[in-house]
Amino acid sequence: MKLSPPKTVTYWVSVAIGVLGFLAQFGVLTFLPISGFWLLAIAFILLALSLVIKGL
């Protein structure tokens, strides 16, 4: 399996989702309807998929 680097936009979107998840997990952002854990999981999965799928 050959990995490719993610596009800059995909990287920053996953970082932003990860930061939102981190803040939600510690109770800073209480208005989000989703758990902080799941936001962090989504950010990690997006970043991992962008390494596997070329052009993402």
PDB file of N, CA and C in Angstrom:
ATOM      1  N   MET A   1       0.848  -1.167   0.000  1.00  0.00           N
ATOM      2  CA  MET A   1       0.000   0.000   0.000  1.00  0.00           C
ATOM      3  C   MET A   1       0.902   1.240   0.000  1.00  0.00           C
ATOM      4  N   LYS A   2       0.654   2.106  -0.939  1.00  0.00           N
ATOM      5  CA  LYS A   2       1.436   3.327  -1.045  1.00  0.00           C
ATOM      6  C   LYS A   2       0.632   4.479  -0.461  1.00  0.00           C
ATOM      7  N   LEU A   3       1.250   5.201   0.442  1.00  0.00           N
ATOM      8  CA  LEU A   3       0.594   6.338   1.083  1.00  0.00           C
ATOM      9  C   LEU A   3       0.974   7.625   0.372  1.00  0.00           C
ATOM     10  N   SER A   4       0.032   8.550   0.335  1.00  0.00           N
ATOM     11  CA  SER A   4       0.296   9.856  -0.261  1.00  0.00           C
ATOM     12  C   SER A   4      -0.021  10.929   0.771  1.00  0.00           C
ATOM     13  N   PRO A   5       0.682  12.039   0.720  1.00  0.00           N
ATOM     14  CA  PRO A   5       0.399  13.099   1.700  1.00  0.00           C
ATOM     15  C   PRO A   5      -0.973  13.717   1.445  1.00  0.00           C
ATOM     16  N   PRO A   6      -1.651  14.120   2.511  1.00  0.00           N
ATOM     17  CA  PRO A   6      -2.977  14.734   2.327  1.00  0.00           C
ATOM     18  C   PRO A   6      -2.848  16.137   1.742  1.00  0.00           C
ATOM     19  N   LYS A   7      -3.915  16.584   1.102  1.00  0.00           N
ATOM     20  CA  LYS A   7      -3.937  17.965   0.636  1.00  0.00           C
ATOM     21  C   LYS A   7      -3.962  18.894   1.836  1.00  0.00           C
ATOM     22  N   THR A   8      -3.539  20.100   1.631  1.00  0.00           N
ATOM     23  CA  THR A   8      -3.471  21.072   2.719  1.00  0.00           C
ATOM     24  C   THR A   8      -4.848  21.350   3.314  1.00  0.00           C
ATOM     25  N   VAL A   9      -5.855  21.447   2.469  1.00  0.00           N
ATOM     26  CA  VAL A   9      -7.210  21.723   2.946  1.00  0.00           C
ATOM     27  C   VAL A   9      -7.715  20.576   3.823  1.00  0.00           C
ATOM     28  N   THR A  10      -7.489  19.344   3.382  1.00  0.00           N
ATOM     29  CA  THR A  10      -7.930  18.191   4.162  1.00  0.00           C
ATOM     30  C   THR A  10      -7.225  18.141   5.503  1.00  0.00           C
ATOM     31  N   TYR A  11      -5.947  18.442   5.508  1.00  0.00           N
ATOM     32  CA  TYR A  11      -5.187  18.451   6.751  1.00  0.00           C
ATOM     33  C   TYR A  11      -5.751  19.477   7.733  1.00  0.00           C
ATOM     34  N   TRP A  12      -5.991  20.689   7.261  1.00  0.00           N
ATOM     35  CA  TRP A  12      -6.470  21.739   8.163  1.00  0.00           C
ATOM     36  C   TRP A  12      -7.910  21.511   8.609  1.00  0.00           C
ATOM     37  N   VAL A  13      -8.726  20.880   7.767  1.00  0.00           N
ATOM     38  CA  VAL A  13     -10.090  20.536   8.182  1.00  0.00           C
ATOM     39  C   VAL A  13     -10.038  19.507   9.305  1.00  0.00           C
ATOM     40  N   SER A  14      -9.180  18.506   9.164  1.00  0.00           N
ATOM     41  CA  SER A  14      -9.073  17.504  10.225  1.00  0.00           C
ATOM     42  C   SER A  14      -8.496  18.096  11.501  1.00  0.00           C
ATOM     43  N   VAL A  15      -7.571  19.036  11.392  1.00  0.00           N
ATOM     44  CA  VAL A  15      -7.039  19.708  12.580  1.00  0.00           C
ATOM     45  C   VAL A  15      -8.132  20.532  13.261  1.00  0.00           C
ATOM     46  N   ALA A  16      -8.947  21.235  12.466  1.00  0.00           N
ATOM     47  CA  ALA A  16     -10.025  22.050  13.040  1.00  0.00           C
ATOM     48  C   ALA A  16     -11.063  21.173  13.741  1.00  0.00           C
ATOM     49  N   ILE A  17     -11.429  20.056  13.120  1.00  0.00           N
ATOM     50  CA  ILE A  17     -12.378  19.146  13.757  1.00  0.00           C
ATOM     51  C   ILE A  17     -11.774  18.563  15.027  1.00  0.00           C
ATOM     52  N   GLY A  18     -10.487  18.254  14.992  1.00  0.00           N
ATOM     53  CA  GLY A  18      -9.813  17.731  16.176  1.00  0.00           C
ATOM     54  C   GLY A  18      -9.775  18.730  17.318  1.00  0.00           C
ATOM     55  N   VAL A  19      -9.522  19.986  17.009  1.00  0.00           N
ATOM     56  CA  VAL A  19      -9.511  21.023  18.044  1.00  0.00           C
ATOM     57  C   VAL A  19     -10.909  21.206  18.626  1.00  0.00           C
ATOM     58  N   LEU A  20     -11.927  21.194  17.775  1.00  0.00           N
ATOM     59  CA  LEU A  20     -13.300  21.276  18.269  1.00  0.00           C
ATOM     60  C   LEU A  20     -13.631  20.093  19.175  1.00  0.00           C
ATOM     61  N   GLY A  21     -13.192  18.907  18.786  1.00  0.00           N
ATOM     62  CA  GLY A  21     -13.418  17.731  19.605  1.00  0.00           C
ATOM     63  C   GLY A  21     -12.697  17.798  20.931  1.00  0.00           C
ATOM     64  N   PHE A  22     -11.470  18.290  20.911  1.00  0.00           N
ATOM     65  CA  PHE A  22     -10.694  18.445  22.140  1.00  0.00           C
ATOM     66  C   PHE A  22     -11.377  19.424  23.088  1.00  0.00           C
ATOM     67  N   LEU A  23     -11.834  20.552  22.554  1.00  0.00           N
ATOM     68  CA  LEU A  23     -12.511  21.543  23.388  1.00  0.00           C
ATOM     69  C   LEU A  23     -13.858  21.037  23.890  1.00  0.00           C
ATOM     70  N   ALA A  24     -14.563  20.270  23.059  1.00  0.00           N
ATOM     71  CA  ALA A  24     -15.841  19.719  23.485  1.00  0.00           C
ATOM     72  C   ALA A  24     -15.653  18.650  24.558  1.00  0.00           C
ATOM     73  N   GLN A  25     -14.568  17.900  24.460  1.00  0.00           N
ATOM     74  CA  GLN A  25     -14.319  16.839  25.440  1.00  0.00           C
ATOM     75  C   GLN A  25     -14.085  17.413  26.835  1.00  0.00           C
ATOM     76  N   PHE A  26     -13.458  18.567  26.905  1.00  0.00           N
ATOM     77  CA  PHE A  26     -13.162  19.175  28.197  1.00  0.00           C
ATOM     78  C   PHE A  26     -14.201  20.199  28.634  1.00  0.00           C
ATOM     79  N   GLY A  27     -15.331  20.267  27.933  1.00  0.00           N
ATOM     80  CA  GLY A  27     -16.449  21.083  28.369  1.00  0.00           C
ATOM     81  C   GLY A  27     -16.388  22.548  28.011  1.00  0.00           C
ATOM     82  N   VAL A  28     -15.467  22.938  27.162  1.00  0.00           N
ATOM     83  CA  VAL A  28     -15.387  24.341  26.756  1.00  0.00           C
ATOM     84  C   VAL A  28     -16.504  24.670  25.775  1.00  0.00           C
ATOM     85  N   LEU A  29     -16.761  23.763  24.854  1.00  0.00           N
ATOM     86  CA  LEU A  29     -17.836  23.942  23.866  1.00  0.00           C
ATOM     87  C   LEU A  29     -18.977  23.000  24.229  1.00  0.00           C
ATOM     88  N   THR A  30     -19.963  23.519  24.919  1.00  0.00           N
ATOM     89  CA  THR A  30     -21.070  22.671  25.362  1.00  0.00           C
ATOM     90  C   THR A  30     -22.241  22.678  24.388  1.00  0.00           C
ATOM     91  N   PHE A  31     -22.218  23.543  23.386  1.00  0.00           N
ATOM     92  CA  PHE A  31     -23.343  23.655  22.461  1.00  0.00           C
ATOM     93  C   PHE A  31     -23.290  22.646  21.325  1.00  0.00           C
ATOM     94  N   LEU A  32     -22.208  21.898  21.195  1.00  0.00           N
ATOM     95  CA  LEU A  32     -22.097  20.925  20.114  1.00  0.00           C
ATOM     96  C   LEU A  32     -22.964  19.705  20.415  1.00  0.00           C
ATOM     97  N   PRO A  33     -23.735  19.258  19.431  1.00  0.00           N
ATOM     98  CA  PRO A  33     -24.643  18.125  19.682  1.00  0.00           C
ATOM     99  C   PRO A  33     -23.956  16.760  19.628  1.00  0.00           C
ATOM    100  N   ILE A  34     -22.652  16.726  19.412  1.00  0.00           N
ATOM    101  CA  ILE A  34     -21.923  15.467  19.295  1.00  0.00           C
ATOM    102  C   ILE A  34     -20.819  15.450  20.346  1.00  0.00           C
ATOM    103  N   SER A  35     -20.500  14.262  20.804  1.00  0.00           N
ATOM    104  CA  SER A  35     -19.481  14.097  21.836  1.00  0.00           C
ATOM    105  C   SER A  35     -18.098  14.482  21.298  1.00  0.00           C
ATOM    106  N   GLY A  36     -17.262  14.968  22.185  1.00  0.00           N
ATOM    107  CA  GLY A  36     -15.901  15.326  21.802  1.00  0.00           C
ATOM    108  C   GLY A  36     -15.108  14.129  21.326  1.00  0.00           C
ATOM    109  N   PHE A  37     -15.356  12.974  21.929  1.00  0.00           N
ATOM    110  CA  PHE A  37     -14.671  11.752  21.508  1.00  0.00           C
ATOM    111  C   PHE A  37     -14.945  11.456  20.043  1.00  0.00           C
ATOM    112  N   TRP A  38     -16.206  11.573  19.641  1.00  0.00           N
ATOM    113  CA  TRP A  38     -16.560  11.260  18.258  1.00  0.00           C
ATOM    114  C   TRP A  38     -15.996  12.282  17.284  1.00  0.00           C
ATOM    115  N   LEU A  39     -15.911  13.521  17.697  1.00  0.00           N
ATOM    116  CA  LEU A  39     -15.274  14.530  16.832  1.00  0.00           C
ATOM    117  C   LEU A  39     -13.798  14.216  16.630  1.00  0.00           C
ATOM    118  N   LEU A  40     -13.125  13.822  17.695  1.00  0.00           N
ATOM    119  CA  LEU A  40     -11.715  13.434  17.569  1.00  0.00           C
ATOM    120  C   LEU A  40     -11.564  12.200  16.693  1.00  0.00           C
ATOM    121  N   ALA A  41     -12.478  11.247  16.835  1.00  0.00           N
ATOM    122  CA  ALA A  41     -12.430  10.044  16.009  1.00  0.00           C
ATOM    123  C   ALA A  41     -12.644  10.382  14.535  1.00  0.00           C
ATOM    124  N   ILE A  42     -13.595  11.262  14.254  1.00  0.00           N
ATOM    125  CA  ILE A  42     -13.864  11.676  12.872  1.00  0.00           C
ATOM    126  C   ILE A  42     -12.649  12.374  12.277  1.00  0.00           C
ATOM    127  N   ALA A  43     -12.003  13.235  13.050  1.00  0.00           N
ATOM    128  CA  ALA A  43     -10.814  13.938  12.565  1.00  0.00           C
ATOM    129  C   ALA A  43      -9.698  12.960  12.243  1.00  0.00           C
ATOM    130  N   PHE A  44      -9.490  11.964  13.116  1.00  0.00           N
ATOM    131  CA  PHE A  44      -8.442  10.987  12.868  1.00  0.00           C
ATOM    132  C   PHE A  44      -8.756  10.130  11.654  1.00  0.00           C
ATOM    133  N   ILE A  45     -10.003   9.709  11.518  1.00  0.00           N
ATOM    134  CA  ILE A  45     -10.395   8.881  10.371  1.00  0.00           C
ATOM    135  C   ILE A  45     -10.250   9.659   9.072  1.00  0.00           C
ATOM    136  N   LEU A  46     -10.630  10.936   9.076  1.00  0.00           N
ATOM    137  CA  LEU A  46     -10.467  11.771   7.886  1.00  0.00           C
ATOM    138  C   LEU A  46      -9.003  11.894   7.498  1.00  0.00           C
ATOM    139  N   LEU A  47      -8.142  12.102   8.483  1.00  0.00           N
ATOM    140  CA  LEU A  47      -6.714  12.217   8.203  1.00  0.00           C
ATOM    141  C   LEU A  47      -6.155  10.899   7.703  1.00  0.00           C
ATOM    142  N   ALA A  48      -6.563   9.791   8.297  1.00  0.00           N
ATOM    143  CA  ALA A  48      -6.082   8.475   7.843  1.00  0.00           C
ATOM    144  C   ALA A  48      -6.568   8.161   6.435  1.00  0.00           C
ATOM    145  N   LEU A  49      -7.812   8.488   6.134  1.00  0.00           N
ATOM    146  CA  LEU A  49      -8.329   8.250   4.776  1.00  0.00           C
ATOM    147  C   LEU A  49      -7.612   9.109   3.738  1.00  0.00           C
ATOM    148  N   SER A  50      -7.250  10.314   4.139  1.00  0.00           N
ATOM    149  CA  SER A  50      -6.556  11.181   3.185  1.00  0.00           C
ATOM    150  C   SER A  50      -5.157  10.664   2.874  1.00  0.00           C
ATOM    151  N   LEU A  51      -4.588   9.860   3.762  1.00  0.00           N
ATOM    152  CA  LEU A  51      -3.294   9.243   3.462  1.00  0.00           C
ATOM    153  C   LEU A  51      -3.436   8.060   2.503  1.00  0.00           C
ATOM    154  N   VAL A  52      -4.542   7.358   2.593  1.00  0.00           N
ATOM    155  CA  VAL A  52      -4.747   6.153   1.794  1.00  0.00           C
ATOM    156  C   VAL A  52      -5.315   6.497   0.417  1.00  0.00           C
ATOM    157  N   ILE A  53      -6.280   7.413   0.366  1.00  0.00           N
ATOM    158  CA  ILE A  53      -6.943   7.764  -0.895  1.00  0.00           C
ATOM    159  C   ILE A  53      -6.195   8.933  -1.533  1.00  0.00           C
ATOM    160  N   LYS A  54      -5.688   8.697  -2.710  1.00  0.00           N
ATOM    161  CA  LYS A  54      -4.917   9.737  -3.391  1.00  0.00           C
ATOM    162  C   LYS A  54      -5.833  10.854  -3.870  1.00  0.00           C
ATOM    163  N   GLY A  55      -5.457  12.087  -3.607  1.00  0.00           N
ATOM    164  CA  GLY A  55      -6.226  13.252  -4.056  1.00  0.00           C
ATOM    165  C   GLY A  55      -7.250  13.743  -3.063  1.00  0.00           C
ATOM    166  N   LEU A  56      -7.295  13.152  -1.877  1.00  0.00           N
ATOM    167  CA  LEU A  56      -8.271  13.584  -0.886  1.00  0.00           C
ATOM    168  C   LEU A  56      -7.666  14.607   0.043  1.00  0.00           C
TER     169      LEU A  56
END
